[in-house]
Each structure stands twice: as structure tokens, then as C-alpha cells.
């Protein structure tokens, strides 16, 4: 079934792989995400979560930010960089990030410091990906875990508390 509508997303292709049915769904931002229609059981997902949490332990030093290179001119009129069409001095590498709502920029004195910062930023991106995967996995577990049935229903105190919280 190609091009059918389903909940605002377009179902593009169905692929059978063993007994697992995968659907690729086009989201509003024109990207595709893969969803498995045959859900895993809670035990399998908890095992995956445990393995994912172990990956967090292997993370090294990390920090957020963006690395950029800036070609600069020193401002001395007699320097080669003051001449027209001169590219300027060697690039200055900077790490820019937000701290408490302010932009903070750090420059690196040598290539070794830059390589260290590149590894730390890469490790931060790995941390972000692991975090997203963990949240997605936990959402699946929460949806699949059965609700324990209790006899009786809401107590009078629970009803009052819930109604007060809804009104606020």
C-alpha cells in the first residue's frame, strides 16, 4: 500500500523480514522514521535498556559546543594580512557554547588542544544520541507494561487531590 493516509503521516513501504513488519513513515519535516508494527515484549526491551545503559559507562570526557575556524587579520598595516586579497593569518579555532544563557567562546593555543576538544564534542554528540535512544526505549517499555488493577477505584482524598491539581 503506497501513498495511503494514516494519522497525518504517509505510509510509504511495507517490508517483511521474517515475521517483523517495518513501516517507514514520513513525518511533517519530510524525514522518514522506521517503526516496527510487531512490538517487542517488555523483557526484551528491558534487556536492550540494560545494554544501552552500559554504553553510558563507556563515555569519555565530553562537553557541548560547536567548533569553528575563523580567518583573522591582526590589524597591523605593515603585515601581509593587510594586503588586498590576502587570506589572512592561519585560522583560529574556537569552541562556542551557551552557559547560563550567555555565549562563551574558547580558543585553542595549539592543534593538540583542538583535537582534544574535537573528541570531547564528538563524545557529547554520542551522549545525546544515547540519551534519545534511552528515552525512546523507556517510552516503549512504559506503553507495554501492564497497569496493575486495584479493587475499588479512587479514594475520596485522591479525587479531591486530582480535582484540585486539574483546576490549577
Protein backbone atom coordinates (compact mmCIF):
# COMPACT_ATOMS: atom_id res chain seq x y z
CA UNK A 1 0.00 0.00 0.00
CA UNK A 2 1.77 3.12 -1.14
CA UNK A 3 0.56 6.64 -0.54
CA UNK A 4 -2.26 5.78 1.91
CA UNK A 5 -3.02 8.26 4.69
CA UNK A 6 -2.69 7.23 8.31
CA UNK A 7 -2.86 9.74 11.17
CA UNK A 8 -1.36 12.61 9.17
CA UNK A 9 1.63 10.55 8.01
CA UNK A 10 2.05 8.82 4.69
CA UNK A 11 2.69 5.10 4.79
CA UNK A 12 5.29 4.52 2.14
CA UNK A 13 6.55 0.94 2.10
CA UNK A 14 5.95 -2.31 3.90
CA UNK A 15 8.84 -4.73 4.23
CA UNK A 16 8.52 -8.23 5.63
CA UNK A 17 11.64 -9.51 7.30
CA UNK A 18 10.86 -12.81 8.94
CA UNK A 19 7.77 -12.03 10.99
CA UNK A 20 8.60 -8.39 11.69
CA UNK A 21 6.71 -5.76 9.72
CA UNK A 22 8.51 -2.44 9.30
CA UNK A 23 6.78 0.72 8.18
CA UNK A 24 8.59 3.84 7.06
CA UNK A 25 6.56 6.90 8.00
CA UNK A 26 7.10 10.36 6.54
CA UNK A 27 6.88 12.94 9.29
CA UNK A 28 5.89 16.59 8.95
CA UNK A 29 9.51 17.68 8.43
CA UNK A 30 9.78 15.40 5.36
CA UNK A 31 12.03 12.86 7.06
CA UNK A 32 11.33 9.18 7.39
CA UNK A 33 11.28 7.17 10.58
CA UNK A 34 11.13 3.42 10.82
CA UNK A 35 8.58 1.80 13.10
CA UNK A 36 8.12 -1.85 13.84
CA UNK A 37 4.50 -2.92 13.96
CA UNK A 38 5.23 -6.15 15.83
CA UNK A 39 6.14 -4.84 19.30
CA UNK A 40 8.85 -6.36 21.43
CA UNK A 41 7.92 -7.78 24.78
CA UNK A 42 8.85 -5.94 27.99
CA UNK A 43 11.65 -8.39 28.87
CA UNK A 44 13.37 -7.88 25.51
CA UNK A 45 13.10 -4.10 25.82
CA UNK A 46 14.47 -4.17 29.37
CA UNK A 47 17.45 -6.19 28.14
CA UNK A 48 18.03 -3.61 25.40
CA UNK A 49 17.77 -0.85 28.00
CA UNK A 50 20.37 -2.55 30.21
CA UNK A 51 22.79 -2.80 27.29
CA UNK A 52 22.15 0.84 26.41
CA UNK A 53 22.82 1.92 30.00
CA UNK A 54 26.12 0.04 29.89
CA UNK A 55 27.12 2.15 26.88
CA UNK A 56 26.80 5.25 29.07
CA UNK A 57 29.58 3.84 31.25
CA UNK A 58 31.95 3.82 28.27
CA UNK A 59 31.55 7.55 27.62
CA UNK A 60 34.73 9.57 27.97
CA UNK A 61 35.22 13.26 28.63
CA UNK A 62 32.55 15.29 26.91
CA UNK A 63 31.40 18.85 26.50
CA UNK A 64 28.81 20.65 24.42
CA UNK A 65 29.51 23.26 21.80
CA UNK A 66 30.35 23.97 18.18
CA UNK A 67 33.83 24.10 16.73
CA UNK A 68 34.51 26.78 14.14
CA UNK A 69 37.52 28.15 12.26
CA UNK A 70 37.91 31.90 11.82
CA UNK A 71 40.39 33.50 9.42
CA UNK A 72 41.64 36.67 11.03
CA UNK A 73 43.68 39.77 10.36
CA UNK A 74 45.95 41.18 13.01
CA UNK A 75 45.33 44.86 12.22
CA UNK A 76 48.96 45.89 11.63
CA UNK A 77 49.18 47.98 8.44
CA UNK A 78 52.62 46.56 7.51
CA UNK A 79 51.57 42.90 7.89
CA UNK A 80 50.90 40.68 4.85
CA UNK A 81 47.32 40.17 6.04
CA UNK A 82 46.57 43.87 5.47
CA UNK A 83 47.12 43.46 1.73
CA UNK A 84 44.15 43.10 -0.53
CA UNK A 85 43.17 39.50 -1.44
CA UNK A 86 45.45 38.08 1.27
CA UNK A 87 43.68 35.25 3.13
CA UNK A 88 44.97 36.46 6.48
CA UNK A 89 46.69 34.53 9.22
CA UNK A 90 46.21 30.87 9.98
CA UNK A 91 42.70 30.02 11.10
CA UNK A 92 41.85 30.48 14.73
CA UNK A 93 39.80 27.57 16.06
CA UNK A 94 37.06 28.26 18.58
CA UNK A 95 34.61 26.32 20.67
CA UNK A 96 31.34 28.19 21.18
CA UNK A 97 28.67 27.13 23.67
CA UNK A 98 25.89 28.55 25.85
CA UNK A 99 26.36 28.83 29.61
CA UNK A 100 23.52 30.23 31.72
CA UNK A 101 22.02 31.96 28.66
CA UNK A 102 25.30 33.58 27.60
CA UNK A 103 27.53 32.61 24.67
CA UNK A 104 31.00 31.55 25.78
CA UNK A 105 33.85 31.19 23.29
CA UNK A 106 37.10 29.36 23.92
CA UNK A 107 40.14 29.48 21.61
CA UNK A 108 42.80 26.79 21.41
CA UNK A 109 46.50 27.54 21.75
CA UNK A 110 47.71 24.54 19.71
CA UNK A 111 46.49 21.68 17.49
CA UNK A 112 46.66 19.19 20.38
CA UNK A 113 44.15 21.21 22.40
CA UNK A 114 41.89 21.44 19.34
CA UNK A 115 42.00 17.66 18.76
CA UNK A 116 41.14 17.10 22.43
CA UNK A 117 38.14 19.46 22.14
CA UNK A 118 37.01 17.72 18.92
CA UNK A 119 36.99 14.37 20.72
CA UNK A 120 35.06 15.85 23.65
CA UNK A 121 32.41 17.41 21.39
CA UNK A 122 32.10 14.14 19.44
CA UNK A 123 31.65 12.28 22.72
CA UNK A 124 28.95 14.79 23.73
CA UNK A 125 27.07 14.07 20.48
CA UNK A 126 27.33 10.36 21.29
CA UNK A 127 25.90 11.10 24.76
CA UNK A 128 22.98 12.98 23.19
CA UNK A 129 22.22 10.07 20.83
CA UNK A 130 22.36 7.54 23.68
CA UNK A 131 20.03 9.75 25.75
CA UNK A 132 17.49 9.98 22.91
CA UNK A 133 17.64 6.22 22.40
CA UNK A 134 17.16 5.62 26.12
CA UNK A 135 14.09 7.86 26.29
CA UNK A 136 12.55 6.21 23.21
CA UNK A 137 13.17 2.76 24.66
CA UNK A 138 11.69 3.74 28.03
CA UNK A 139 8.60 5.12 26.31
CA UNK A 140 8.06 1.74 24.63
CA UNK A 141 8.51 -0.06 27.96
CA UNK A 142 6.03 2.27 29.67
CA UNK A 143 3.43 1.70 26.94
CA UNK A 144 3.81 -2.10 27.10
CA UNK A 145 3.99 -2.57 30.86
CA UNK A 146 0.57 -3.60 32.10
CA UNK A 147 -1.29 -1.48 34.64
CA UNK A 148 -1.83 -3.27 37.93
CA UNK A 149 -5.55 -3.47 38.62
CA UNK A 150 -6.68 -2.39 42.05
CA UNK A 151 -10.04 -3.07 43.53
CA UNK A 152 -12.24 -0.20 44.46
CA UNK A 153 -11.18 2.77 42.38
CA UNK A 154 -10.32 6.26 43.62
CA UNK A 155 -10.45 7.16 47.29
CA UNK A 156 -12.23 10.38 48.26
CA UNK A 157 -8.87 12.00 49.13
CA UNK A 158 -7.39 11.04 45.73
CA UNK A 159 -10.41 12.51 43.95
CA UNK A 160 -10.06 15.81 45.83
CA UNK A 161 -6.32 15.99 45.15
CA UNK A 162 -6.74 15.23 41.45
CA UNK A 163 -9.55 17.74 41.01
CA UNK A 164 -7.52 20.46 42.75
CA UNK A 165 -4.50 19.79 40.52
CA UNK A 166 -6.63 19.90 37.36
CA UNK A 167 -8.23 23.24 38.29
CA UNK A 168 -4.86 24.98 38.72
